[in-house]
Amino acid sequence: MADKSFQVEIVSADDRLYSGSATFVIAHTTSGELGILANHEPLLGELISGGFVVIVEEGGNRRAAAVTGGFLSVTGEVVTILAEFAEWADDVDVAAEREAVEAAEPGSEDYARARSRLVAAEQLAK
């Protein structure tokens, strides 16, 4: 790996969503949005319910994932996202997720997942 890249793992209760090299990661935590570059100081953060993670891969490809709950761990050259729920935002139907957010009870699991999908899709569009 180059000096400016690091290993990223996204693991949910159901699946290993991602394992690869990145040059930048943004994670939505209870402390706010955290940006991580290579050689970042070690840290542990709590992911918010209804949040997202953005990965900029070594080749410049930008990927976004809807992430609900869990933790972010930065140790040395590895960033690990351990999420309760995670899925790629590539195929999110934004209109359908907006409807789901409006229909769901705020604070419910359905609300958090729909909100997460919506904000992840918005991050991908940036």
Protein backbone atom coordinates (compact mmCIF):
# COMPACT_ATOMS: atom_id res chain seq x y z
CA MET A 1 0.00 0.00 0.00
CA ALA A 2 1.08 3.56 -0.67
CA ASP A 3 1.82 5.95 2.20
CA LYS A 4 -1.50 7.71 1.65
CA SER A 5 -3.72 4.64 1.74
CA PHE A 6 -4.95 2.37 4.49
CA GLN A 7 -7.06 -0.74 4.95
CA VAL A 8 -10.83 -0.32 5.46
CA GLU A 9 -13.25 -3.00 6.64
CA ILE A 10 -17.04 -2.62 6.89
CA VAL A 11 -18.71 -5.48 8.70
CA SER A 12 -22.36 -5.77 9.68
CA ALA A 13 -24.22 -8.40 11.65
CA ASP A 14 -25.14 -10.09 8.35
CA ASP A 15 -22.20 -9.55 6.04
CA ARG A 16 -18.70 -8.27 5.33
CA LEU A 17 -19.65 -5.37 3.10
CA TYR A 18 -16.20 -4.07 2.23
CA SER A 19 -12.53 -4.90 2.53
CA GLY A 20 -10.04 -2.81 0.60
CA SER A 21 -7.68 0.14 0.45
CA ALA A 22 -8.79 3.75 0.73
CA THR A 23 -7.28 7.21 0.89
CA PHE A 24 -10.13 8.86 2.82
CA VAL A 25 -13.09 7.78 4.96
CA ILE A 26 -15.95 9.87 6.34
CA ALA A 27 -18.10 8.37 9.09
CA HIS A 28 -21.21 9.85 10.70
CA THR A 29 -20.70 9.41 14.45
CA THR A 30 -22.34 10.68 17.62
CA SER A 31 -19.54 13.30 17.73
CA GLY A 32 -20.30 14.48 14.18
CA GLU A 33 -18.83 13.63 10.81
CA LEU A 34 -15.27 12.33 11.16
CA GLY A 35 -12.80 12.42 8.28
CA ILE A 36 -9.99 9.87 8.37
CA LEU A 37 -6.77 10.00 6.37
CA ALA A 38 -3.75 7.70 6.48
CA ASN A 39 -1.83 7.70 9.77
CA HIS A 40 -4.80 9.07 11.73
CA GLU A 41 -4.50 8.90 15.49
CA PRO A 42 -6.19 5.83 17.02
CA LEU A 43 -9.80 6.42 18.03
CA LEU A 44 -13.07 4.71 18.76
CA GLY A 45 -16.33 6.34 17.70
CA GLU A 46 -19.99 5.39 17.98
CA LEU A 47 -21.90 5.40 14.69
CA ILE A 48 -25.28 7.09 14.74
CA SER A 49 -28.53 5.39 13.93
CA GLY A 50 -29.46 6.52 10.42
CA GLY A 51 -25.94 7.48 9.39
CA PHE A 52 -23.50 6.82 6.57
CA VAL A 53 -19.89 6.00 5.71
CA VAL A 54 -18.10 7.32 2.63
CA ILE A 55 -14.99 5.61 1.28
CA VAL A 56 -12.69 7.14 -1.31
CA GLU A 57 -10.77 4.23 -2.77
CA GLU A 58 -7.14 4.41 -3.94
CA GLY A 59 -8.20 4.94 -7.55
CA GLY A 60 -10.47 7.85 -6.59
CA ASN A 61 -13.74 5.91 -6.75
CA ARG A 62 -16.20 7.26 -4.15
CA ARG A 63 -18.49 4.75 -2.43
CA ALA A 64 -21.18 5.42 0.16
CA ALA A 65 -22.88 3.00 2.52
CA ALA A 66 -25.95 3.38 4.67
CA VAL A 67 -24.89 2.44 8.20
CA THR A 68 -27.05 2.12 11.29
CA GLY A 69 -25.50 1.85 14.72
CA GLY A 70 -22.25 0.26 15.72
CA PHE A 71 -18.70 1.52 16.05
CA LEU A 72 -15.77 2.93 14.12
CA SER A 73 -12.28 1.86 15.16
CA VAL A 74 -9.08 3.45 13.88
CA THR A 75 -5.89 1.60 14.78
CA GLY A 76 -2.62 2.14 12.96
CA GLU A 77 -3.25 1.53 9.29
CA VAL A 78 -6.74 -0.01 9.61
CA VAL A 79 -10.20 1.54 9.85
CA THR A 80 -12.89 -0.92 10.91
CA ILE A 81 -16.59 -0.14 10.83
CA LEU A 82 -18.63 -2.61 12.88
CA ALA A 83 -22.27 -1.81 12.10
CA GLU A 84 -25.58 -3.23 13.16
CA PHE A 85 -26.80 -2.70 9.59
CA ALA A 86 -24.89 -1.65 6.44
CA GLU A 87 -25.64 -1.58 2.72
CA TRP A 88 -24.31 0.22 -0.34
CA ALA A 89 -26.15 3.34 -1.49
CA ASP A 90 -25.68 2.60 -5.20
CA ASP A 91 -29.17 1.28 -5.82
CA VAL A 92 -31.17 3.34 -3.33
CA ASP A 93 -34.48 4.64 -4.66
CA VAL A 94 -34.40 8.15 -3.16
CA ALA A 95 -38.12 8.83 -3.69
CA ALA A 96 -39.08 5.54 -2.03
CA GLU A 97 -36.78 6.20 0.93
CA ARG A 98 -38.24 9.70 1.40
CA GLU A 99 -41.70 8.13 1.53
CA ALA A 100 -40.45 5.51 4.00
CA VAL A 101 -38.98 8.22 6.27
CA GLU A 102 -42.28 10.10 6.23
CA ALA A 103 -44.33 6.95 6.92
CA ALA A 104 -42.15 5.54 9.70
CA GLU A 105 -42.33 6.44 13.36
CA PRO A 106 -39.34 8.68 14.26
CA GLY A 107 -36.91 6.70 16.37
CA SER A 108 -38.04 3.34 14.99
CA GLU A 109 -35.73 0.88 13.24
CA ASP A 110 -37.61 1.40 9.95
CA TYR A 111 -37.12 5.16 10.25
CA ALA A 112 -33.39 4.80 10.99
CA ARG A 113 -32.76 2.47 8.05
CA ALA A 114 -34.73 4.59 5.58
CA ARG A 115 -32.99 7.76 6.82
CA SER A 116 -29.62 6.02 6.56
CA ARG A 117 -30.27 4.94 2.98
CA LEU A 118 -31.39 8.45 2.07
CA VAL A 119 -28.36 10.27 3.52
CA ALA A 120 -25.96 7.70 2.05
CA ALA A 121 -27.48 8.23 -1.42
CA GLU A 122 -27.11 11.99 -0.95
CA GLN A 123 -23.43 11.52 -0.03
CA LEU A 124 -22.88 9.45 -3.15
CA ALA A 125 -24.36 12.24 -5.29
CA LYS A 126 -21.75 14.76 -4.02
